[in-house]
Amino acid sequence: MAKFGPAGAGDAFSRCHKSTVEAPAWLRRQGLDLLEYQCGRGVRIGRETAEKIGAQAAEHGILMSVHAPYFINLSSDEPERRQKNEGYVLQSCQAAQWLGADRIVVHCGGLSGRTRAQALENSIQGLASILQAMEDKGFGGLCLCVETMGKQNVMGSLEEVAAICQSDRRLTPCVDFGHLNARGQGCLQTAEDYLRVLDYLESALGRPRIERFHAHFSHIEYGKAGETRHLTFEDEQYGPDFSPCAQALAERDLHPRIVCESAGTQAEDALAMKQIYRKALEQKGGEGPTK
């Protein structure tokens, strides 16, 4: 079964609660399965609070992940930047350990005048050093999830993320379907469109590595250059639609963790996705996967 939850608890939680420590119990009451703790603007959570959240997550069966700082730029080959990247990831690892999280999502970063081939090689080399540092610091059990990105002028196409993950089995793709749709100018319309994404990843990485991949999903407005802003499911002008995605996941019998990144309604929209997914499983019935 796929698992669903929000990136941060969202506006509905914030209106009724003062502390994220209360989020795991609240999410379980909503019928959700996971929480992605946001460190996009820096890792600022202290040990005491993180451990309280982690204890509540364990008590209520909420899976935890962490989003590493946005200002990581794996595309860089500058020694100072690489050192900072490593520090940001290690800080995220420490927070993840306190929170009881087992996955950390990381962005690739911008090109900064480099060719895509150079940026790809820099990302692979930088991640190799980061993974070694994680092992050295006792964080080797944590999984790094490399995210597909929504802007065309940054690293993070589906092919680039697959190539990065091919470089080390400790890396897992974070497939942001909203980003892919924005990057591809509305390319995700049908179940067949989603199947092409899933089948490409399986051919590149093998089924065992994608069976429980990480994912983000939200409606995202886009222009000629790709992503411009995250929306809510109430906005239907821009997609992508989750229903064909759910059909594709059921068809291939995959069980990802799907984190909703809607703008404020991420918990409500995560629950809507879970309900859509369950209907897709019911419609598929007792049939096994076709591939």
C-alpha atoms as a PDB file:
ATOM      1  CA  MET A   1       0.000   0.000   0.000  1.00  0.00           C
ATOM      2  CA  ALA A   2       1.151   3.513  -0.758  1.00  0.00           C
ATOM      3  CA  LYS A   3       1.432   5.847   2.239  1.00  0.00           C
ATOM      4  CA  PHE A   4       0.239   9.464   2.282  1.00  0.00           C
ATOM      5  CA  GLY A   5       0.882  12.593   4.314  1.00  0.00           C
ATOM      6  CA  PRO A   6       1.809  16.275   4.150  1.00  0.00           C
ATOM      7  CA  ALA A   7       4.974  18.324   3.896  1.00  0.00           C
ATOM      8  CA  GLY A   8       4.475  20.189   7.156  1.00  0.00           C
ATOM      9  CA  ALA A   9       1.114  19.757   8.835  1.00  0.00           C
ATOM     10  CA  GLY A  10      -0.630  22.615   6.984  1.00  0.00           C
ATOM     11  CA  ASP A  11      -3.009  25.452   7.797  1.00  0.00           C
ATOM     12  CA  ALA A  12      -5.806  23.355   9.299  1.00  0.00           C
ATOM     13  CA  PHE A  13      -3.423  21.990  11.920  1.00  0.00           C
ATOM     14  CA  SER A  14      -1.875  25.389  12.653  1.00  0.00           C
ATOM     15  CA  ARG A  15      -5.270  26.955  13.336  1.00  0.00           C
ATOM     16  CA  CYS A  16      -5.937  24.491  16.166  1.00  0.00           C
ATOM     17  CA  HIS A  17      -2.513  23.577  17.552  1.00  0.00           C
ATOM     18  CA  LYS A  18       0.553  25.434  18.741  1.00  0.00           C
ATOM     19  CA  SER A  19       3.274  22.776  18.530  1.00  0.00           C
ATOM     20  CA  THR A  20       4.380  20.338  15.836  1.00  0.00           C
ATOM     21  CA  VAL A  21       4.749  17.804  18.657  1.00  0.00           C
ATOM     22  CA  GLU A  22       0.967  17.410  18.344  1.00  0.00           C
ATOM     23  CA  ALA A  23       1.108  16.803  14.585  1.00  0.00           C
ATOM     24  CA  PRO A  24       1.582  12.993  14.526  1.00  0.00           C
ATOM     25  CA  ALA A  25      -1.519  12.325  16.640  1.00  0.00           C
ATOM     26  CA  TRP A  26      -3.522  14.834  14.590  1.00  0.00           C
ATOM     27  CA  LEU A  27      -2.411  13.301  11.294  1.00  0.00           C
ATOM     28  CA  ARG A  28      -3.342   9.819  12.479  1.00  0.00           C
ATOM     29  CA  ARG A  29      -6.799  11.080  13.437  1.00  0.00           C
ATOM     30  CA  GLN A  30      -7.170  12.441   9.908  1.00  0.00           C
ATOM     31  CA  GLY A  31      -6.345   8.999   8.526  1.00  0.00           C
ATOM     32  CA  LEU A  32      -2.870   9.870   7.232  1.00  0.00           C
ATOM     33  CA  ASP A  33       0.359   7.883   7.407  1.00  0.00           C
ATOM     34  CA  LEU A  34       3.389  10.161   7.300  1.00  0.00           C
ATOM     35  CA  LEU A  35       4.881  13.608   7.848  1.00  0.00           C
ATOM     36  CA  GLU A  36       7.777  15.250   6.030  1.00  0.00           C
ATOM     37  CA  TYR A  37       9.466  17.712   8.384  1.00  0.00           C
ATOM     38  CA  GLN A  38      10.535  20.843   6.519  1.00  0.00           C
ATOM     39  CA  CYS A  39      14.100  22.166   6.909  1.00  0.00           C
ATOM     40  CA  GLY A  40      14.060  24.006   3.591  1.00  0.00           C
ATOM     41  CA  ARG A  41      15.227  27.291   5.097  1.00  0.00           C
ATOM     42  CA  GLY A  42      17.748  25.657   7.381  1.00  0.00           C
ATOM     43  CA  VAL A  43      17.880  22.997  10.089  1.00  0.00           C
ATOM     44  CA  ARG A  44      16.615  24.883  13.115  1.00  0.00           C
ATOM     45  CA  ILE A  45      14.933  22.229  15.219  1.00  0.00           C
ATOM     46  CA  GLY A  46      16.490  21.353  18.583  1.00  0.00           C
ATOM     47  CA  ARG A  47      17.032  17.880  19.941  1.00  0.00           C
ATOM     48  CA  GLU A  48      14.395  18.034  22.680  1.00  0.00           C
ATOM     49  CA  THR A  49      11.575  19.084  20.370  1.00  0.00           C
ATOM     50  CA  ALA A  50      12.661  16.707  17.604  1.00  0.00           C
ATOM     51  CA  GLU A  51      12.755  13.750  19.956  1.00  0.00           C
ATOM     52  CA  LYS A  52       9.292  14.615  21.280  1.00  0.00           C
ATOM     53  CA  ILE A  53       7.936  14.686  17.717  1.00  0.00           C
ATOM     54  CA  GLY A  54       9.705  11.419  16.969  1.00  0.00           C
ATOM     55  CA  ALA A  55       8.246   9.755  20.056  1.00  0.00           C
ATOM     56  CA  GLN A  56       4.747  10.865  19.074  1.00  0.00           C
ATOM     57  CA  ALA A  57       5.291   9.673  15.502  1.00  0.00           C
ATOM     58  CA  ALA A  58       6.363   6.253  16.761  1.00  0.00           C
ATOM     59  CA  GLU A  59       3.394   6.054  19.127  1.00  0.00           C
ATOM     60  CA  HIS A  60       0.870   6.909  16.413  1.00  0.00           C
ATOM     61  CA  GLY A  61       2.459   5.016  13.524  1.00  0.00           C
ATOM     62  CA  ILE A  62       3.446   8.073  11.494  1.00  0.00           C
ATOM     63  CA  LEU A  63       6.436   7.619   9.174  1.00  0.00           C
ATOM     64  CA  MET A  64       8.870  10.547   9.217  1.00  0.00           C
ATOM     65  CA  SER A  65      11.098  12.075   6.552  1.00  0.00           C
ATOM     66  CA  VAL A  66      13.065  15.335   6.403  1.00  0.00           C
ATOM     67  CA  HIS A  67      13.426  17.858   3.590  1.00  0.00           C
ATOM     68  CA  ALA A  68      16.997  19.185   3.572  1.00  0.00           C
ATOM     69  CA  PRO A  69      17.726  22.922   3.041  1.00  0.00           C
ATOM     70  CA  TYR A  70      16.821  24.345  -0.372  1.00  0.00           C
ATOM     71  CA  PHE A  71      20.150  26.138  -0.689  1.00  0.00           C
ATOM     72  CA  ILE A  72      22.107  22.915  -1.198  1.00  0.00           C
ATOM     73  CA  ASN A  73      23.681  22.997  -4.664  1.00  0.00           C
ATOM     74  CA  LEU A  74      25.089  19.610  -5.618  1.00  0.00           C
ATOM     75  CA  SER A  75      25.884  20.887  -9.119  1.00  0.00           C
ATOM     76  CA  SER A  76      28.799  22.956  -7.832  1.00  0.00           C
ATOM     77  CA  ASP A  77      32.427  21.808  -7.957  1.00  0.00           C
ATOM     78  CA  GLU A  78      33.631  24.657  -5.715  1.00  0.00           C
ATOM     79  CA  PRO A  79      35.319  23.233  -2.569  1.00  0.00           C
ATOM     80  CA  GLU A  80      33.652  25.740  -0.226  1.00  0.00           C
ATOM     81  CA  ARG A  81      30.191  25.017  -1.629  1.00  0.00           C
ATOM     82  CA  ARG A  82      30.762  21.262  -1.421  1.00  0.00           C
ATOM     83  CA  GLN A  83      31.802  21.597   2.205  1.00  0.00           C
ATOM     84  CA  LYS A  84      28.640  23.581   2.941  1.00  0.00           C
ATOM     85  CA  ASN A  85      26.504  20.996   1.120  1.00  0.00           C
ATOM     86  CA  GLU A  86      27.978  18.266   3.273  1.00  0.00           C
ATOM     87  CA  GLY A  87      27.338  20.272   6.428  1.00  0.00           C
ATOM     88  CA  TYR A  88      23.699  20.928   5.495  1.00  0.00           C
ATOM     89  CA  VAL A  89      23.078  17.244   4.784  1.00  0.00           C
ATOM     90  CA  LEU A  90      24.755  16.148   8.027  1.00  0.00           C
ATOM     91  CA  GLN A  91      22.637  18.657   9.960  1.00  0.00           C
ATOM     92  CA  SER A  92      19.551  17.187   8.255  1.00  0.00           C
ATOM     93  CA  CYS A  93      20.748  13.692   9.188  1.00  0.00           C
ATOM     94  CA  GLN A  94      21.049  14.677  12.835  1.00  0.00           C
ATOM     95  CA  ALA A  95      17.542  16.125  12.808  1.00  0.00           C
ATOM     96  CA  ALA A  96      16.263  12.998  11.055  1.00  0.00           C
ATOM     97  CA  GLN A  97      17.850  10.771  13.686  1.00  0.00           C
ATOM     98  CA  TRP A  98      16.204  12.727  16.492  1.00  0.00           C
ATOM     99  CA  LEU A  99      12.853  12.671  14.659  1.00  0.00           C
ATOM    100  CA  GLY A 100      13.025   8.955  13.949  1.00  0.00           C
ATOM    101  CA  ALA A 101      13.016   9.689  10.209  1.00  0.00           C
ATOM    102  CA  ASP A 102      14.681   7.334   7.739  1.00  0.00           C
ATOM    103  CA  ARG A 103      14.591   9.451   4.549  1.00  0.00           C
ATOM    104  CA  ILE A 104      16.050  12.849   3.638  1.00  0.00           C
ATOM    105  CA  VAL A 105      14.986  14.694   0.479  1.00  0.00           C
ATOM    106  CA  VAL A 106      17.622  16.795  -1.269  1.00  0.00           C
ATOM    107  CA  HIS A 107      17.587  19.113  -4.308  1.00  0.00           C
ATOM    108  CA  CYS A 108      20.261  18.977  -6.997  1.00  0.00           C
ATOM    109  CA  GLY A 109      20.676  22.741  -7.476  1.00  0.00           C
ATOM    110  CA  GLY A 110      21.185  25.181 -10.335  1.00  0.00           C
ATOM    111  CA  LEU A 111      23.576  24.963 -13.268  1.00  0.00           C
ATOM    112  CA  SER A 112      25.431  28.230 -12.493  1.00  0.00           C
ATOM    113  CA  GLY A 113      26.813  28.442 -16.017  1.00  0.00           C
ATOM    114  CA  ARG A 114      27.885  24.801 -16.200  1.00  0.00           C
ATOM    115  CA  THR A 115      26.797  22.353 -18.865  1.00  0.00           C
ATOM    116  CA  ARG A 116      24.240  19.789 -17.797  1.00  0.00           C
ATOM    117  CA  ALA A 117      26.863  17.059 -18.210  1.00  0.00           C
ATOM    118  CA  GLN A 118      29.281  18.915 -15.919  1.00  0.00           C
ATOM    119  CA  ALA A 119      26.547  19.566 -13.349  1.00  0.00           C
ATOM    120  CA  LEU A 120      25.531  15.905 -13.431  1.00  0.00           C
ATOM    121  CA  GLU A 121      29.084  14.715 -12.831  1.00  0.00           C
ATOM    122  CA  ASN A 122      29.548  17.251 -10.036  1.00  0.00           C
ATOM    123  CA  SER A 123      26.334  16.041  -8.384  1.00  0.00           C
ATOM    124  CA  ILE A 124      27.447  12.421  -8.521  1.00  0.00           C
ATOM    125  CA  GLN A 125      30.888  13.249  -7.101  1.00  0.00           C
ATOM    126  CA  GLY A 126      29.473  15.523  -4.404  1.00  0.00           C
ATOM    127  CA  LEU A 127      26.952  12.926  -3.286  1.00  0.00           C
ATOM    128  CA  ALA A 128      29.660  10.266  -3.107  1.00  0.00           C
ATOM    129  CA  SER A 129      31.548  12.447  -0.614  1.00  0.00           C
ATOM    130  CA  ILE A 130      28.371  13.215   1.313  1.00  0.00           C
ATOM    131  CA  LEU A 131      27.443   9.541   1.569  1.00  0.00           C
ATOM    132  CA  GLN A 132      30.909   8.753   2.906  1.00  0.00           C
ATOM    133  CA  ALA A 133      30.586  11.542   5.459  1.00  0.00           C
ATOM    134  CA  MET A 134      27.209  10.116   6.506  1.00  0.00           C
ATOM    135  CA  GLU A 135      28.813   6.722   7.057  1.00  0.00           C
ATOM    136  CA  ASP A 136      31.662   8.281   9.042  1.00  0.00           C
ATOM    137  CA  LYS A 137      29.250  10.175  11.309  1.00  0.00           C
ATOM    138  CA  GLY A 138      27.019   7.184  11.990  1.00  0.00           C
ATOM    139  CA  PHE A 139      24.177   8.174   9.644  1.00  0.00           C
ATOM    140  CA  GLY A 140      24.709   5.368   7.137  1.00  0.00           C
ATOM    141  CA  GLY A 141      21.269   3.907   7.769  1.00  0.00           C
ATOM    142  CA  LEU A 142      19.517   6.991   6.406  1.00  0.00           C
ATOM    143  CA  CYS A 143      18.369   7.154   2.796  1.00  0.00           C
ATOM    144  CA  LEU A 144      18.999  10.210   0.596  1.00  0.00           C
ATOM    145  CA  CYS A 145      16.151  10.889  -1.856  1.00  0.00           C
ATOM    146  CA  VAL A 146      17.158  13.000  -4.876  1.00  0.00           C
ATOM    147  CA  GLU A 147      14.225  15.117  -6.056  1.00  0.00           C
ATOM    148  CA  THR A 148      13.063  15.810  -9.601  1.00  0.00           C
ATOM    149  CA  MET A 149      12.717  19.567 -10.090  1.00  0.00           C
ATOM    150  CA  GLY A 150      10.156  21.817 -11.779  1.00  0.00           C
ATOM    151  CA  LYS A 151      12.276  24.516 -13.417  1.00  0.00           C
ATOM    152  CA  GLN A 152      13.963  23.701 -16.710  1.00  0.00           C
ATOM    153  CA  ASN A 153      17.146  25.657 -15.951  1.00  0.00           C
ATOM    154  CA  VAL A 154      18.084  23.564 -12.892  1.00  0.00           C
ATOM    155  CA  MET A 155      19.280  20.009 -12.491  1.00  0.00           C
ATOM    156  CA  GLY A 156      16.591  17.470 -11.765  1.00  0.00           C
ATOM    157  CA  SER A 157      14.968  16.013 -14.864  1.00  0.00           C
ATOM    158  CA  LEU A 158      13.710  12.460 -14.528  1.00  0.00           C
ATOM    159  CA  GLU A 159      16.683  11.214 -16.538  1.00  0.00           C
ATOM    160  CA  GLU A 160      19.195  13.186 -14.468  1.00  0.00           C
ATOM    161  CA  VAL A 161      17.780  11.969 -11.168  1.00  0.00           C
ATOM    162  CA  ALA A 162      17.811   8.382 -12.433  1.00  0.00           C
ATOM    163  CA  ALA A 163      21.448   8.754 -13.531  1.00  0.00           C
ATOM    164  CA  ILE A 164      22.414  10.183 -10.128  1.00  0.00           C
ATOM    165  CA  CYS A 165      20.666   7.331  -8.317  1.00  0.00           C
ATOM    166  CA  GLN A 166      22.394   4.791 -10.567  1.00  0.00           C
ATOM    167  CA  SER A 167      25.713   5.960  -9.119  1.00  0.00           C
ATOM    168  CA  ASP A 168      25.012   4.545  -5.638  1.00  0.00           C
ATOM    169  CA  ARG A 169      22.423   2.099  -4.332  1.00  0.00           C
ATOM    170  CA  ARG A 170      21.997   4.202  -1.190  1.00  0.00           C
ATOM    171  CA  LEU A 171      20.278   6.888  -3.279  1.00  0.00           C
ATOM    172  CA  THR A 172      16.532   6.791  -4.001  1.00  0.00           C
ATOM    173  CA  PRO A 173      14.553   8.988  -6.407  1.00  0.00           C
ATOM    174  CA  CYS A 174      12.078  11.472  -4.983  1.00  0.00           C
ATOM    175  CA  VAL A 175       9.672  11.727  -7.897  1.00  0.00           C
ATOM    176  CA  ASP A 176       7.874  15.062  -7.696  1.00  0.00           C
ATOM    177  CA  PHE A 177       5.056  14.542 -10.175  1.00  0.00           C
ATOM    178  CA  GLY A 178       3.990  18.183  -9.984  1.00  0.00           C
ATOM    179  CA  HIS A 179       7.538  19.243 -10.849  1.00  0.00           C
ATOM    180  CA  LEU A 180       7.727  16.824 -13.764  1.00  0.00           C
ATOM    181  CA  ASN A 181       4.397  18.074 -15.083  1.00  0.00           C
ATOM    182  CA  ALA A 182       5.507  21.716 -14.815  1.00  0.00           C
ATOM    183  CA  ARG A 183       8.910  21.003 -16.353  1.00  0.00           C
ATOM    184  CA  GLY A 184       7.204  19.154 -19.195  1.00  0.00           C
ATOM    185  CA  GLN A 185       4.504  21.802 -19.779  1.00  0.00           C
ATOM    186  CA  GLY A 186       1.586  19.640 -18.667  1.00  0.00           C
ATOM    187  CA  CYS A 187       3.005  16.309 -19.814  1.00  0.00           C
ATOM    188  CA  LEU A 188       1.215  14.163 -17.209  1.00  0.00           C
ATOM    189  CA  GLN A 189      -2.366  13.734 -18.383  1.00  0.00           C
ATOM    190  CA  THR A 190      -3.198  10.027 -18.580  1.00  0.00           C
ATOM    191  CA  ALA A 191      -2.346   6.828 -16.734  1.00  0.00           C
ATOM    192  CA  GLU A 192      -0.098   5.968 -19.675  1.00  0.00           C
ATOM    193  CA  ASP A 193       1.907   9.150 -19.056  1.00  0.00           C
ATOM    194  CA  TYR A 194       2.520   8.103 -15.453  1.00  0.00           C
ATOM    195  CA  LEU A 195       3.292   4.540 -16.496  1.00  0.00           C
ATOM    196  CA  ARG A 196       6.047   5.826 -18.772  1.00  0.00           C
ATOM    197  CA  VAL A 197       7.638   7.585 -15.778  1.00  0.00           C
ATOM    198  CA  LEU A 198       7.363   4.524 -13.554  1.00  0.00           C
ATOM    199  CA  ASP A 199       8.577   2.131 -16.229  1.00  0.00           C
ATOM    200  CA  TYR A 200      11.551   4.353 -17.043  1.00  0.00           C
ATOM    201  CA  LEU A 201      12.614   4.317 -13.396  1.00  0.00           C
ATOM    202  CA  GLU A 202      12.191   0.571 -13.186  1.00  0.00           C
ATOM    203  CA  SER A 203      14.307   0.043 -16.299  1.00  0.00           C
ATOM    204  CA  ALA A 204      16.995   2.405 -14.955  1.00  0.00           C
ATOM    205  CA  LEU A 205      17.081   1.301 -11.307  1.00  0.00           C
ATOM    206  CA  GLY A 206      15.314  -2.046 -11.070  1.00  0.00           C
ATOM    207  CA  ARG A 207      12.024  -2.876  -9.396  1.00  0.00           C
ATOM    208  CA  PRO A 208      13.389  -3.457  -5.866  1.00  0.00           C
ATOM    209  CA  ARG A 209      14.676   0.139  -5.747  1.00  0.00           C
ATOM    210  CA  ILE A 210      11.464   1.791  -6.933  1.00  0.00           C
ATOM    211  CA  GLU A 211       8.886  -0.450  -5.301  1.00  0.00           C
ATOM    212  CA  ARG A 212       8.735   1.926  -2.320  1.00  0.00           C
ATOM    213  CA  PHE A 213      10.162   5.095  -3.850  1.00  0.00           C
ATOM    214  CA  HIS A 214       9.645   8.558  -2.369  1.00  0.00           C
ATOM    215  CA  ALA A 215       7.263  10.999  -4.083  1.00  0.00           C
ATOM    216  CA  HIS A 216       5.911  14.525  -3.886  1.00  0.00           C
ATOM    217  CA  PHE A 217       2.593  15.567  -5.396  1.00  0.00           C
ATOM    218  CA  SER A 218       0.825  18.914  -5.760  1.00  0.00           C
ATOM    219  CA  HIS A 219      -0.859  21.051  -8.386  1.00  0.00           C
ATOM    220  CA  ILE A 220       1.761  23.487  -9.696  1.00  0.00           C
ATOM    221  CA  GLU A 221       1.332  26.548 -11.894  1.00  0.00           C
ATOM    222  CA  TYR A 222       3.915  26.759 -14.662  1.00  0.00           C
ATOM    223  CA  GLY A 223       5.117  28.976 -17.491  1.00  0.00           C
ATOM    224  CA  LYS A 224       7.526  28.525 -20.388  1.00  0.00           C
ATOM    225  CA  ALA A 225      10.456  27.977 -18.002  1.00  0.00           C
ATOM    226  CA  GLY A 226       8.574  25.494 -15.816  1.00  0.00           C
ATOM    227  CA  GLU A 227       7.338  25.789 -12.219  1.00  0.00           C
ATOM    228  CA  THR A 228       6.141  29.142 -10.884  1.00  0.00           C
ATOM    229  CA  ARG A 229       4.177  28.304  -7.700  1.00  0.00           C
ATOM    230  CA  HIS A 230       2.417  25.551  -5.751  1.00  0.00           C
ATOM    231  CA  LEU A 231      -1.386  25.549  -5.697  1.00  0.00           C
ATOM    232  CA  THR A 232      -4.102  23.541  -3.950  1.00  0.00           C
ATOM    233  CA  PHE A 233      -6.305  20.782  -5.343  1.00  0.00           C
ATOM    234  CA  GLU A 234      -9.147  23.312  -5.583  1.00  0.00           C
ATOM    235  CA  ASP A 235      -7.250  24.947  -8.454  1.00  0.00           C
ATOM    236  CA  GLU A 236      -7.942  22.746 -11.461  1.00  0.00           C
ATOM    237  CA  GLN A 237      -6.444  24.949 -14.164  1.00  0.00           C
ATOM    238  CA  TYR A 238      -3.046  23.395 -13.634  1.00  0.00           C
ATOM    239  CA  GLY A 239      -2.392  19.774 -12.854  1.00  0.00           C
ATOM    240  CA  PRO A 240      -1.416  17.199 -12.582  1.00  0.00           C
ATOM    241  CA  ASP A 241      -4.470  15.139 -11.736  1.00  0.00           C
ATOM    242  CA  PHE A 242      -3.795  12.412  -9.193  1.00  0.00           C
ATOM    243  CA  SER A 243      -6.425   9.934 -10.440  1.00  0.00           C
ATOM    244  CA  PRO A 244      -4.375   8.625 -13.398  1.00  0.00           C
ATOM    245  CA  CYS A 245      -1.316   8.503 -11.134  1.00  0.00           C
ATOM    246  CA  ALA A 246      -3.237   6.319  -8.689  1.00  0.00           C
ATOM    247  CA  GLN A 247      -4.295   4.062 -11.560  1.00  0.00           C
ATOM    248  CA  ALA A 248      -0.675   3.698 -12.659  1.00  0.00           C
ATOM    249  CA  LEU A 249       0.546   2.915  -9.130  1.00  0.00           C
ATOM    250  CA  ALA A 250      -2.158   0.279  -8.738  1.00  0.00           C
ATOM    251  CA  GLU A 251      -1.383  -1.161 -12.174  1.00  0.00           C
ATOM    252  CA  ARG A 252       2.319  -1.581 -11.380  1.00  0.00           C
ATOM    253  CA  ASP A 253       1.672  -2.625  -7.749  1.00  0.00           C
ATOM    254  CA  LEU A 254       4.039   0.031  -6.355  1.00  0.00           C
ATOM    255  CA  HIS A 255       3.958   1.289  -2.764  1.00  0.00           C
ATOM    256  CA  PRO A 256       5.606   4.729  -2.530  1.00  0.00           C
ATOM    257  CA  ARG A 257       5.457   7.283   0.241  1.00  0.00           C
ATOM    258  CA  ILE A 258       3.587  10.216  -1.281  1.00  0.00           C
ATOM    259  CA  VAL A 259       4.083  13.618   0.353  1.00  0.00           C
ATOM    260  CA  CYS A 260       1.608  16.353  -0.548  1.00  0.00           C
ATOM    261  CA  GLU A 261       3.097  19.834  -1.016  1.00  0.00           C
ATOM    262  CA  SER A 262      -0.089  21.816  -1.643  1.00  0.00           C
ATOM    263  CA  ALA A 263      -0.039  25.453  -0.558  1.00  0.00           C
ATOM    264  CA  GLY A 264      -1.601  25.231   2.910  1.00  0.00           C
ATOM    265  CA  THR A 265      -4.062  22.389   2.274  1.00  0.00           C
ATOM    266  CA  GLN A 266      -1.443  19.658   2.148  1.00  0.00           C
ATOM    267  CA  ALA A 267      -3.095  17.487   4.814  1.00  0.00           C
ATOM    268  CA  GLU A 268      -6.557  17.678   3.234  1.00  0.00           C
ATOM    269  CA  ASP A 269      -5.177  17.044  -0.251  1.00  0.00           C
ATOM    270  CA  ALA A 270      -3.038  14.147   1.008  1.00  0.00           C
ATOM    271  CA  LEU A 271      -6.187  12.535   2.408  1.00  0.00           C
ATOM    272  CA  ALA A 272      -7.988  13.117  -0.904  1.00  0.00           C
ATOM    273  CA  MET A 273      -5.129  11.320  -2.682  1.00  0.00           C
ATOM    274  CA  LYS A 274      -5.318   8.411  -0.275  1.00  0.00           C
ATOM    275  CA  GLN A 275      -9.030   8.012  -0.965  1.00  0.00           C
ATOM    276  CA  ILE A 276      -8.470   8.188  -4.741  1.00  0.00           C
ATOM    277  CA  TYR A 277      -5.705   5.600  -4.479  1.00  0.00           C
ATOM    278  CA  ARG A 278      -7.889   3.208  -2.511  1.00  0.00           C
ATOM    279  CA  LYS A 279     -10.608   3.493  -5.164  1.00  0.00           C
ATOM    280  CA  ALA A 280      -8.010   2.687  -7.824  1.00  0.00           C
ATOM    281  CA  LEU A 281      -7.042  -0.437  -5.895  1.00  0.00           C
ATOM    282  CA  GLU A 282     -10.708  -1.452  -5.618  1.00  0.00           C
ATOM    283  CA  GLN A 283     -11.235  -0.953  -9.343  1.00  0.00           C
ATOM    284  CA  LYS A 284      -8.175  -3.066 -10.084  1.00  0.00           C
ATOM    285  CA  GLY A 285      -9.645  -5.770  -7.893  1.00  0.00           C
ATOM    286  CA  GLY A 286      -7.676  -8.879  -7.055  1.00  0.00           C
ATOM    287  CA  GLU A 287      -5.606  -8.773 -10.226  1.00  0.00           C
ATOM    288  CA  GLY A 288      -1.858  -8.934  -9.902  1.00  0.00           C
ATOM    289  CA  PRO A 289       0.469  -6.419 -11.574  1.00  0.00           C
ATOM    290  CA  THR A 290       0.667  -6.629 -15.356  1.00  0.00           C
ATOM    291  CA  LYS A 291       4.418  -6.167 -15.282  1.00  0.00           C
END
